[in-house]
Amino acid sequence: MTKMKDAEIVEKKLLVDSFKKVVNEKIKFDEDDIQDWIYMDTPKSIVVIACTAENEVVLVRIYRHNIRKDVLELPAGGAEHENETTLEAAKRELLEETGYTSDSFVDMGAYYVLPSETNRWVSYFLARDVVKVQEPEQDDLIEKYFDMSVLTVPLSKLRTTQQANELGIEGVESLYGLMLAREWMSNLDEK
């Protein structure tokens, strides 16, 4: 029996061609065994854990239509601009969504999300000593129409995943980003 990693892709169709593409691949395992594999082809993205000098975390409140509710999230976005590094994307997204910037970004790694549904990688950055330099731009569809706003929350109120969740941070990407930042900052404190 042929394993998935050794199977032949005999046909590839683009079912939806937009920012997030939906792809259907016909995968041949054996002569009479061809299966459909459907997944979302998405661009790389970034998540920024932005902390002020006063140890407050910058968050965005946003209405998420898919789940029909307002949630709190870390600033995030696509790393879709041509020739843009993930660090440049992190700096751009933080400024566009929140109006904050920093001279101190720490790359905390890239992680794979939703493995059976997408090919998406998320790069996480910790931005230290962020300062507000402008109002958010809110220039794309989500930022304009999804009632997005910016707030800060003391890091002390986000010490555990449960505390973060109780404040309205329910998305796994944001919860994981907070966990990474806590881990990184505790390692720094030990040095």
Foldseek 3Di string as FASTA:
>chain_A
DADPVRWDFPDKDFPDDDQKTKIWTFTHRDPPDTDIAIAIEHAEKEFEFEAAPQQKTKWKWWQDVVVGGIFIFTQMDGPPDPPGDNVNRVQVRCCQQAQKHAPDKDWLAKDAPPVRHYRYIYTYIYGYNIDHDDGHNLDDDRSPPGPMDMDIGHLVQVLALVSNVVVGHDDPVRSVNNVSVNVVVVVVVVD
